[in-house]
Amino acid sequence: MTALLDLIPLFAFFYFAKTQGVIAGAGALLVATLAVYVVHFTKQKGKLNKQQWVTLVLTVVFCGLSLAFNNDAFIKWKSVVINAIFALALLISVLINKPLLELAMKQFFKLSNKGWQNLTLAWVGYFVIMAGLQYYFAFFTSNETWINFKTYGWIPVMLIFMIGQFIVLKNHLNPELQNEIQKK
């Protein structure tokens, strides 16, 4: 349900950007994001996780700047900056020897410290590639092409990455989790 809820701002942006322009899309994205995060905040008993805060704050800032200055360049930077921040946070976690993916996924996978570092670095690479693609489509293609990529063009890239992750990680499922799966 949460994943579907998180798609509402994307659909709002796509519809309004396609029918009324990028600035209208930015307004719709801002309003829809605020509404969705009110729901998250309520469901999560007055809390948002760090990723949700980063997304919310950057959406408010970049959409707000686009609307205030009537300039679509700000909204185009949003996805680039979000992906870069996630890449940087993951890279720093590896450099300080506390891979964030281990904290998030250790109940699902059994990996060595080196394995967690490699997995986290793979995600760093993914977010760097996504930031680069977002930048390219935002600033070197037409608005229509950028809107299409921002809305659904990134999905094949994500799917390829996720399939690759599944192939690598399937042999590293936590034994307790494997037993539960086999029982069902």
Protein backbone atom coordinates (compact mmCIF):
# COMPACT_ATOMS: atom_id res chain seq x y z
CA MET A 1 0.00 0.00 0.00
CA THR A 2 2.84 2.40 0.84
CA ALA A 3 4.44 1.86 -2.57
CA LEU A 4 1.17 2.70 -4.30
CA LEU A 5 0.75 5.78 -2.12
CA ASP A 6 4.25 6.95 -3.07
CA LEU A 7 3.29 6.78 -6.76
CA ILE A 8 0.53 9.38 -6.43
CA PRO A 9 2.90 12.38 -6.68
CA LEU A 10 4.54 10.83 -9.74
CA PHE A 11 1.19 10.38 -11.47
CA ALA A 12 0.13 13.91 -10.51
CA PHE A 13 3.36 15.32 -11.93
CA PHE A 14 3.06 13.29 -15.14
CA TYR A 15 -0.55 14.28 -15.79
CA PHE A 16 -0.13 17.99 -15.13
CA ALA A 17 3.29 18.28 -16.80
CA LYS A 18 1.93 16.57 -19.92
CA THR A 19 -1.31 18.55 -20.06
CA GLN A 20 -0.32 21.96 -18.64
CA GLY A 21 3.48 22.14 -18.62
CA VAL A 22 6.39 21.46 -16.29
CA ILE A 23 5.60 24.29 -13.87
CA ALA A 24 2.05 22.98 -13.40
CA GLY A 25 3.56 19.53 -12.93
CA ALA A 26 5.85 20.94 -10.22
CA GLY A 27 2.83 22.41 -8.44
CA ALA A 28 0.94 19.14 -8.65
CA LEU A 29 4.01 17.22 -7.44
CA LEU A 30 4.37 19.56 -4.47
CA VAL A 31 0.70 19.34 -3.43
CA ALA A 32 0.52 15.56 -3.94
CA THR A 33 3.80 14.98 -2.06
CA LEU A 34 2.62 17.04 0.90
CA ALA A 35 -0.67 15.12 0.97
CA VAL A 36 1.06 11.74 0.77
CA TYR A 37 3.55 12.65 3.48
CA VAL A 38 0.74 13.79 5.79
CA VAL A 39 -0.68 10.28 5.36
CA HIS A 40 2.76 8.71 6.00
CA PHE A 41 3.29 10.94 9.03
CA THR A 42 -0.09 9.92 10.44
CA LYS A 43 0.34 6.19 9.70
CA GLN A 44 3.86 6.19 11.15
CA LYS A 45 2.67 7.82 14.39
CA GLY A 46 4.25 11.21 13.84
CA LYS A 47 7.51 9.99 12.32
CA LEU A 48 9.16 9.89 8.92
CA ASN A 49 12.33 7.95 8.13
CA LYS A 50 15.46 9.73 6.85
CA GLN A 51 14.80 8.85 3.21
CA GLN A 52 11.28 10.23 3.49
CA TRP A 53 12.57 13.45 5.06
CA VAL A 54 15.17 13.93 2.33
CA THR A 55 12.59 13.36 -0.40
CA LEU A 56 10.04 15.63 1.26
CA VAL A 57 12.43 18.51 1.94
CA LEU A 58 14.00 18.40 -1.52
CA THR A 59 10.59 18.20 -3.19
CA VAL A 60 9.36 21.24 -1.24
CA VAL A 61 12.57 23.18 -1.99
CA PHE A 62 12.90 22.37 -5.69
CA CYS A 63 9.18 22.54 -6.52
CA GLY A 64 8.86 25.69 -4.44
CA LEU A 65 11.75 27.36 -6.28
CA SER A 66 10.33 26.33 -9.65
CA LEU A 67 6.98 27.83 -8.73
CA ALA A 68 8.41 30.97 -7.11
CA PHE A 69 10.67 31.80 -10.05
CA ASN A 70 8.51 30.22 -12.76
CA ASN A 71 11.61 28.30 -13.87
CA ASP A 72 11.56 24.56 -14.61
CA ALA A 73 15.33 24.19 -14.11
CA PHE A 74 14.84 23.84 -10.35
CA ILE A 75 12.44 20.90 -10.62
CA LYS A 76 14.78 19.27 -13.12
CA TRP A 77 17.57 19.30 -10.55
CA LYS A 78 15.44 17.54 -7.91
CA SER A 79 15.93 13.94 -9.06
CA VAL A 80 19.59 14.56 -9.84
CA VAL A 81 20.23 15.89 -6.33
CA ILE A 82 18.18 13.17 -4.57
CA ASN A 83 20.06 10.39 -6.38
CA ALA A 84 23.40 12.11 -5.68
CA ILE A 85 22.57 12.45 -1.97
CA PHE A 86 21.65 8.77 -1.70
CA ALA A 87 24.88 7.80 -3.52
CA LEU A 88 26.95 10.04 -1.26
CA ALA A 89 25.30 8.78 1.93
CA LEU A 90 25.91 5.15 0.91
CA LEU A 91 29.51 5.88 -0.09
CA ILE A 92 30.22 7.58 3.23
CA SER A 93 28.71 4.61 5.06
CA VAL A 94 31.20 2.31 3.30
CA LEU A 95 34.12 4.66 3.98
CA ILE A 96 33.35 4.68 7.71
CA ASN A 97 32.85 0.89 7.60
CA LYS A 98 29.15 0.97 8.51
CA PRO A 99 27.39 0.05 5.24
CA LEU A 100 23.84 1.37 5.42
CA LEU A 101 22.47 -1.55 3.42
CA GLU A 102 23.58 -3.91 6.17
CA LEU A 103 21.45 -1.97 8.64
CA ALA A 104 18.47 -2.08 6.29
CA MET A 105 18.74 -5.65 4.99
CA LYS A 106 20.67 -7.78 7.48
CA GLN A 107 17.52 -9.66 8.51
CA PHE A 108 17.09 -10.84 4.90
CA PHE A 109 20.66 -11.63 3.80
CA LYS A 110 23.73 -13.19 5.34
CA LEU A 111 26.82 -11.39 4.00
CA SER A 112 30.34 -10.78 5.21
CA ASN A 113 31.44 -7.21 5.93
CA LYS A 114 33.13 -7.17 2.50
CA GLY A 115 29.88 -8.44 0.95
CA TRP A 116 27.88 -5.63 2.58
CA GLN A 117 30.45 -3.10 1.39
CA ASN A 118 30.31 -4.44 -2.17
CA LEU A 119 26.52 -4.46 -2.16
CA THR A 120 26.44 -0.90 -0.85
CA LEU A 121 28.96 0.18 -3.50
CA ALA A 122 26.78 -1.42 -6.17
CA TRP A 123 23.92 0.78 -4.94
CA VAL A 124 26.25 3.80 -4.99
CA GLY A 125 26.91 3.01 -8.65
CA TYR A 126 23.19 2.65 -9.32
CA PHE A 127 22.39 6.04 -7.79
CA VAL A 128 25.28 7.70 -9.64
CA ILE A 129 24.00 6.26 -12.93
CA MET A 130 20.47 7.40 -12.11
CA ALA A 131 21.70 10.91 -11.24
CA GLY A 132 23.59 11.01 -14.55
CA LEU A 133 20.59 9.82 -16.52
CA GLN A 134 18.29 12.29 -14.76
CA TYR A 135 20.74 15.11 -15.53
CA TYR A 136 21.07 14.10 -19.18
CA PHE A 137 17.34 13.82 -19.80
CA ALA A 138 16.59 17.03 -17.85
CA PHE A 139 19.09 19.27 -19.58
CA PHE A 140 19.92 17.70 -22.95
CA THR A 141 16.52 16.54 -24.23
CA SER A 142 13.13 18.11 -24.77
CA ASN A 143 10.73 18.63 -21.86
CA GLU A 144 8.49 15.91 -23.26
CA THR A 145 11.36 13.40 -23.36
CA TRP A 146 12.43 14.40 -19.85
CA ILE A 147 8.88 14.07 -18.51
CA ASN A 148 8.59 10.60 -20.05
CA PHE A 149 11.94 9.49 -18.60
CA LYS A 150 11.16 10.98 -15.18
CA THR A 151 7.79 9.24 -15.12
CA TYR A 152 8.57 5.76 -16.44
CA GLY A 153 11.83 5.69 -18.39
CA TRP A 154 13.89 4.95 -15.29
CA ILE A 155 11.91 1.78 -14.56
CA PRO A 156 13.83 -0.52 -16.99
CA VAL A 157 17.13 0.67 -15.48
CA MET A 158 15.85 -0.11 -12.00
CA LEU A 159 14.48 -3.51 -13.06
CA ILE A 160 17.78 -4.53 -14.67
CA PHE A 161 19.64 -3.50 -11.51
CA MET A 162 17.17 -5.31 -9.24
CA ILE A 163 17.34 -8.51 -11.31
CA GLY A 164 21.13 -8.35 -11.10
CA GLN A 165 20.88 -7.90 -7.34
CA PHE A 166 18.52 -10.86 -7.06
CA ILE A 167 20.88 -13.09 -9.06
CA VAL A 168 23.80 -12.14 -6.78
CA LEU A 169 21.88 -12.23 -3.49
CA LYS A 170 19.67 -15.30 -3.96
CA ASN A 171 22.42 -17.55 -2.59
CA HIS A 172 22.85 -15.34 0.47
CA LEU A 173 19.36 -15.45 1.95
CA ASN A 174 19.34 -15.56 5.73
CA PRO A 175 18.98 -19.30 6.65
CA GLU A 176 16.09 -18.51 9.04
CA LEU A 177 14.25 -16.72 6.24
CA GLN A 178 14.93 -19.62 3.85
CA ASN A 179 13.40 -22.05 6.34
CA GLU A 180 10.28 -19.89 6.65
CA ILE A 181 9.95 -19.71 2.85
CA GLN A 182 10.37 -23.49 2.49
CA LYS A 183 7.70 -24.14 5.15
CA LYS A 184 5.12 -22.15 3.16
